[in-house]
């Protein structure tokens, strides 16, 4: 195996990491603010992929597919948070069981509406080419996914660290009661963060379905990886979600390529080692 093999697998790992970041960034923000272990986050990915697939078939617009899927799933997430999860504020077990129940409901409805065969979102013609670097041939679309992941991280960082909205979110995370005393509507902040997390997961589903395909059960396949990202990076940490996504994406890809019979070991053993040294994760608070 030459250097081209490692470059190829490294780029594959980075593209998968960018996809995981879209899913895990919303998950870590939701937990950081509301302490909700949202089992339905994988379902947002699945529903987004299927809605995007339908919109793509109707309009042949990849951008419209992402926006429509994100908006539809974001609306579902907002309704789910306001009508159901808000009734069990800071009650971990009811929230966990509720999101798990929604995950099974969404999975069954997706199977009913879109069937059980694996499907893929068509790649836009402008991104259907191949990037050539010496002996390395890499799909242009995957480079696009990596770029989108970086742009989303930069946008979320600016939103969280440099805007009034971000200051309100940080205040609500640090001390919700104090934030209410300062006039911040913590309920609306929670709904906004939950909605953003659902939008990002749905957008990730559309982009992921173009090179990973979408199928019944994909939601429960990506969800454990997203939780590994959040746990390794640190709950509530955006930077941790980025670093965790890079670690999981690269370890998962190289593990399957080099040691397919030990792929789970190469992924979860480093996670156990990191947590043994830092139980709060790499960038989580002690």
Protein backbone atom coordinates (compact mmCIF):
# COMPACT_ATOMS: atom_id res chain seq x y z
CA UNK A 1 0.00 0.00 0.00
CA UNK A 2 1.53 3.26 -1.17
CA UNK A 3 1.06 6.84 -0.12
CA UNK A 4 -1.87 7.22 -2.53
CA UNK A 5 -3.82 4.64 -0.53
CA UNK A 6 -3.43 6.61 2.68
CA UNK A 7 -4.28 9.90 0.97
CA UNK A 8 -7.38 8.33 -0.57
CA UNK A 9 -8.55 6.84 2.70
CA UNK A 10 -7.73 10.04 4.55
CA UNK A 11 -9.92 12.06 2.20
CA UNK A 12 -12.70 9.49 2.54
CA UNK A 13 -12.40 9.79 6.32
CA UNK A 14 -12.55 13.60 6.15
CA UNK A 15 -15.70 13.56 4.02
CA UNK A 16 -17.36 11.16 6.46
CA UNK A 17 -16.17 13.33 9.35
CA UNK A 18 -17.81 16.40 7.77
CA UNK A 19 -21.06 14.47 7.51
CA UNK A 20 -20.81 13.34 11.13
CA UNK A 21 -20.17 16.92 12.22
CA UNK A 22 -23.47 18.07 10.71
CA UNK A 23 -25.25 15.39 12.71
CA UNK A 24 -23.25 15.69 15.95
CA UNK A 25 -23.02 19.49 16.17
CA UNK A 26 -26.78 19.78 16.61
CA UNK A 27 -26.76 16.85 19.02
CA UNK A 28 -24.08 18.38 21.24
CA UNK A 29 -25.76 21.81 21.24
CA UNK A 30 -29.07 20.23 22.20
CA UNK A 31 -27.49 18.33 25.07
CA UNK A 32 -25.41 21.30 26.15
CA UNK A 33 -28.48 23.51 26.52
CA UNK A 34 -31.31 21.15 27.41
CA UNK A 35 -29.53 18.04 28.69
CA UNK A 36 -31.64 15.98 26.29
CA UNK A 37 -30.13 12.76 24.94
CA UNK A 38 -31.99 13.03 21.63
CA UNK A 39 -32.32 9.53 20.21
CA UNK A 40 -34.42 10.98 17.37
CA UNK A 41 -31.41 12.87 15.95
CA UNK A 42 -30.65 9.94 13.66
CA UNK A 43 -34.28 10.00 12.51
CA UNK A 44 -33.88 13.64 11.46
CA UNK A 45 -30.98 12.48 9.29
CA UNK A 46 -33.13 9.72 7.78
CA UNK A 47 -36.19 11.90 7.18
CA UNK A 48 -34.07 14.67 5.72
CA UNK A 49 -32.52 12.26 3.25
CA UNK A 50 -35.88 10.91 2.12
CA UNK A 51 -37.54 14.33 1.85
CA UNK A 52 -34.52 15.62 -0.06
CA UNK A 53 -34.71 12.60 -2.38
CA UNK A 54 -38.36 13.35 -3.18
CA UNK A 55 -37.73 17.07 -3.73
CA UNK A 56 -34.72 16.26 -5.93
CA UNK A 57 -36.89 14.01 -8.11
CA UNK A 58 -39.56 16.71 -8.42
CA UNK A 59 -37.37 19.76 -8.97
CA UNK A 60 -33.90 18.40 -9.93
CA UNK A 61 -32.43 21.06 -7.65
CA UNK A 62 -29.94 19.85 -5.06
CA UNK A 63 -29.96 23.17 -3.19
CA UNK A 64 -33.75 23.19 -3.00
CA UNK A 65 -33.67 19.58 -1.79
CA UNK A 66 -31.36 20.53 1.11
CA UNK A 67 -33.40 23.61 2.04
CA UNK A 68 -36.77 21.86 1.78
CA UNK A 69 -35.60 18.83 3.76
CA UNK A 70 -34.00 21.05 6.39
CA UNK A 71 -37.11 23.22 6.73
CA UNK A 72 -39.50 20.25 6.93
CA UNK A 73 -37.47 18.39 9.54
CA UNK A 74 -36.75 21.60 11.47
CA UNK A 75 -40.51 22.16 11.73
CA UNK A 76 -40.94 18.60 13.03
CA UNK A 77 -38.17 19.18 15.57
CA UNK A 78 -39.71 22.48 16.76
CA UNK A 79 -43.13 20.90 17.22
CA UNK A 80 -41.63 17.90 18.96
CA UNK A 81 -39.72 20.11 21.39
CA UNK A 82 -42.55 22.56 22.14
CA UNK A 83 -45.43 20.11 22.37
CA UNK A 84 -43.76 17.11 23.95
CA UNK A 85 -40.23 17.53 25.31
CA UNK A 86 -40.94 20.88 27.00
CA UNK A 87 -43.52 19.13 29.17
CA UNK A 88 -40.73 17.02 30.69
CA UNK A 89 -38.09 19.69 31.24
CA UNK A 90 -35.06 18.30 33.13
CA UNK A 91 -36.67 14.86 33.39
CA UNK A 92 -34.01 12.73 31.71
CA UNK A 93 -35.75 9.34 31.59
CA UNK A 94 -39.09 10.57 30.13
CA UNK A 95 -37.22 12.64 27.53
CA UNK A 96 -35.00 9.71 26.60
CA UNK A 97 -37.97 7.35 26.21
CA UNK A 98 -39.96 9.99 24.33
CA UNK A 99 -37.23 10.63 21.76
CA UNK A 100 -36.70 6.89 21.38
CA UNK A 101 -40.42 6.44 20.73
CA UNK A 102 -40.35 9.17 18.10
CA UNK A 103 -37.32 7.52 16.49
CA UNK A 104 -39.24 4.26 16.02
CA UNK A 105 -42.31 6.13 14.73
CA UNK A 106 -40.27 8.10 12.19
CA UNK A 107 -38.47 4.94 11.07
CA UNK A 108 -41.72 3.07 10.46
CA UNK A 109 -43.29 6.01 8.63
CA UNK A 110 -40.25 6.36 6.41
CA UNK A 111 -40.44 2.67 5.55
CA UNK A 112 -44.15 3.04 4.73
CA UNK A 113 -43.72 6.12 2.54
CA UNK A 114 -40.44 5.40 0.75
CA UNK A 115 -40.14 1.62 0.85
CA UNK A 116 -37.32 -0.63 1.98
CA UNK A 117 -34.91 -0.49 -0.97
CA UNK A 118 -31.64 1.46 -0.66
CA UNK A 119 -31.79 4.72 -2.61
CA UNK A 120 -29.41 7.58 -3.39
CA UNK A 121 -29.85 11.29 -3.93
CA UNK A 122 -28.47 12.17 -7.40
CA UNK A 123 -25.23 14.15 -7.28
CA UNK A 124 -25.53 17.55 -9.03
CA UNK A 125 -23.83 17.49 -12.45
CA UNK A 126 -21.48 20.32 -11.42
CA UNK A 127 -20.15 18.12 -8.59
CA UNK A 128 -20.15 14.79 -10.40
CA UNK A 129 -16.55 14.96 -11.61
CA UNK A 130 -13.33 13.58 -10.17
CA UNK A 131 -10.47 15.47 -8.59
CA UNK A 132 -7.08 14.13 -9.69
CA UNK A 133 -3.96 14.61 -7.58
CA UNK A 134 -1.12 12.50 -8.96
CA UNK A 135 -2.27 8.91 -8.64
CA UNK A 136 -5.17 9.83 -6.35
CA UNK A 137 -8.65 10.03 -7.87
CA UNK A 138 -11.24 11.50 -5.53
CA UNK A 139 -14.88 12.43 -6.19
CA UNK A 140 -15.42 16.19 -6.39
CA UNK A 141 -18.65 15.81 -4.47
CA UNK A 142 -16.84 14.51 -1.39
CA UNK A 143 -14.56 17.55 -1.45
CA UNK A 144 -17.73 19.64 -1.54
CA UNK A 145 -19.01 17.85 1.59
CA UNK A 146 -15.72 18.57 3.38
CA UNK A 147 -15.98 22.25 2.41
CA UNK A 148 -19.58 22.43 3.63
CA UNK A 149 -18.57 20.93 6.97
CA UNK A 150 -15.90 23.62 7.43
CA UNK A 151 -18.31 26.39 6.43
CA UNK A 152 -20.96 25.13 8.86
CA UNK A 153 -18.42 24.97 11.67
CA UNK A 154 -17.29 28.53 10.96
CA UNK A 155 -20.90 29.74 10.82
CA UNK A 156 -21.83 28.04 14.08
CA UNK A 157 -18.71 29.38 15.79
CA UNK A 158 -19.51 32.94 14.72
CA UNK A 159 -23.13 32.49 15.79
CA UNK A 160 -22.14 31.11 19.18
CA UNK A 161 -19.18 33.38 19.99
CA UNK A 162 -19.78 36.65 18.14
CA UNK A 163 -23.53 37.33 18.13
CA UNK A 164 -26.19 38.35 20.63
CA UNK A 165 -28.06 35.13 19.93
CA UNK A 166 -24.95 33.13 20.80
CA UNK A 167 -24.54 35.09 24.04
CA UNK A 168 -28.14 34.27 24.95
CA UNK A 169 -27.53 30.58 24.26
CA UNK A 170 -24.35 30.55 26.37
CA UNK A 171 -26.15 32.34 29.19
CA UNK A 172 -29.01 29.82 29.09
CA UNK A 173 -26.49 26.94 29.17
CA UNK A 174 -24.49 28.36 32.09
CA UNK A 175 -27.41 29.44 34.29
CA UNK A 176 -30.96 29.23 32.96
CA UNK A 177 -32.48 30.88 36.03
CA UNK A 178 -30.12 33.83 35.84
CA UNK A 179 -30.80 34.14 32.11
CA UNK A 180 -34.54 34.33 32.81
CA UNK A 181 -33.84 37.01 35.39
CA UNK A 182 -32.07 39.04 32.69
CA UNK A 183 -35.13 38.86 30.46
CA UNK A 184 -34.00 36.07 28.13
CA UNK A 185 -36.81 33.83 26.94
CA UNK A 186 -35.06 30.54 27.66
CA UNK A 187 -37.95 28.54 26.21
CA UNK A 188 -37.57 30.18 22.80
CA UNK A 189 -33.79 29.75 22.97
CA UNK A 190 -34.26 26.03 23.62
CA UNK A 191 -36.70 25.68 20.74
CA UNK A 192 -34.34 27.56 18.43
CA UNK A 193 -31.37 25.37 19.30
CA UNK A 194 -33.43 22.19 18.92
CA UNK A 195 -34.74 23.41 15.55
CA UNK A 196 -31.23 24.23 14.36
CA UNK A 197 -30.02 20.79 15.38
CA UNK A 198 -32.84 19.14 13.42
CA UNK A 199 -32.07 21.31 10.35
CA UNK A 200 -28.37 20.38 10.39
CA UNK A 201 -29.15 16.67 10.74
CA UNK A 202 -31.61 16.81 7.84
CA UNK A 203 -29.16 18.70 5.62
CA UNK A 204 -26.53 16.10 6.50
CA UNK A 205 -28.97 13.36 5.51
CA UNK A 206 -29.46 14.83 2.04
CA UNK A 207 -25.72 15.24 1.45
CA UNK A 208 -24.90 11.85 2.95
CA UNK A 209 -27.49 10.06 0.82
CA UNK A 210 -25.62 11.17 -2.31
CA UNK A 211 -22.58 8.98 -1.51
CA UNK A 212 -23.63 6.62 1.31
CA UNK A 213 -27.19 5.94 0.08
CA UNK A 214 -30.23 5.92 2.34
CA UNK A 215 -32.10 2.86 3.58
CA UNK A 216 -34.31 1.76 6.50
CA UNK A 217 -32.10 1.52 9.54
CA UNK A 218 -29.60 4.18 8.44
CA UNK A 219 -30.81 6.34 11.32
CA UNK A 220 -29.74 3.77 13.91
CA UNK A 221 -26.47 3.13 12.03
CA UNK A 222 -25.27 6.74 12.18
CA UNK A 223 -26.67 7.55 15.63
CA UNK A 224 -24.05 5.58 17.66
CA UNK A 225 -21.27 7.26 15.70
CA UNK A 226 -22.77 10.67 16.41
CA UNK A 227 -22.90 9.86 20.12
CA UNK A 228 -19.26 8.72 20.05
CA UNK A 229 -18.37 12.09 18.50
CA UNK A 230 -20.25 13.99 21.19
CA UNK A 231 -18.87 11.91 24.08
CA UNK A 232 -15.27 12.05 22.86
CA UNK A 233 -15.39 15.75 21.99
CA UNK A 234 -17.19 16.80 25.14
CA UNK A 235 -20.87 17.42 25.73
CA UNK A 236 -21.96 20.88 24.64
CA UNK A 237 -18.64 21.77 22.96
CA UNK A 238 -18.74 22.84 19.31
CA UNK A 239 -14.97 22.53 18.99
CA UNK A 240 -15.23 19.11 20.59
CA UNK A 241 -17.82 18.07 17.98
CA UNK A 242 -15.39 19.07 15.21
CA UNK A 243 -12.40 17.25 16.70
CA UNK A 244 -14.52 14.26 17.64
CA UNK A 245 -15.90 14.06 14.10
CA UNK A 246 -12.39 14.08 12.65
CA UNK A 247 -11.24 11.33 15.01
CA UNK A 248 -14.29 9.12 14.44
CA UNK A 249 -14.38 9.69 10.68
CA UNK A 250 -10.70 8.85 10.20
CA UNK A 251 -10.64 5.94 12.66
CA UNK A 252 -13.78 4.42 11.19
CA UNK A 253 -12.52 4.67 7.63
CA UNK A 254 -8.96 3.47 8.25
CA UNK A 255 -10.20 0.75 10.61
CA UNK A 256 -12.51 -0.69 7.96
CA UNK A 257 -9.85 -0.40 5.25
CA UNK A 258 -6.90 -1.84 7.20
CA UNK A 259 -8.49 -4.08 9.85
CA UNK A 260 -12.07 -4.87 8.73
CA UNK A 261 -12.40 -7.66 11.30
CA UNK A 262 -11.43 -5.19 14.07
CA UNK A 263 -13.27 -2.12 12.78
CA UNK A 264 -15.36 -1.68 15.94
CA UNK A 265 -12.31 -2.15 18.14
CA UNK A 266 -10.31 0.50 16.29
CA UNK A 267 -13.22 2.92 16.75
CA UNK A 268 -14.35 2.27 20.30
CA UNK A 269 -11.03 1.39 21.97
CA UNK A 270 -9.63 4.92 21.49
CA UNK A 271 -12.93 6.32 22.80
CA UNK A 272 -12.60 4.22 25.96
CA UNK A 273 -8.97 5.32 26.36
CA UNK A 274 -9.86 9.02 25.99
CA UNK A 275 -12.71 8.75 28.48
CA UNK A 276 -10.48 6.90 30.96
CA UNK A 277 -8.15 9.93 30.94
CA UNK A 278 -10.81 12.64 30.54
CA UNK A 279 -14.32 11.45 31.50
CA UNK A 280 -15.77 14.80 30.40
CA UNK A 281 -14.33 14.40 26.88
CA UNK A 282 -11.55 16.29 25.15
CA UNK A 283 -13.17 19.72 25.38
CA UNK A 284 -15.95 19.15 27.89
CA UNK A 285 -16.12 20.92 31.22
CA UNK A 286 -14.96 19.07 34.30
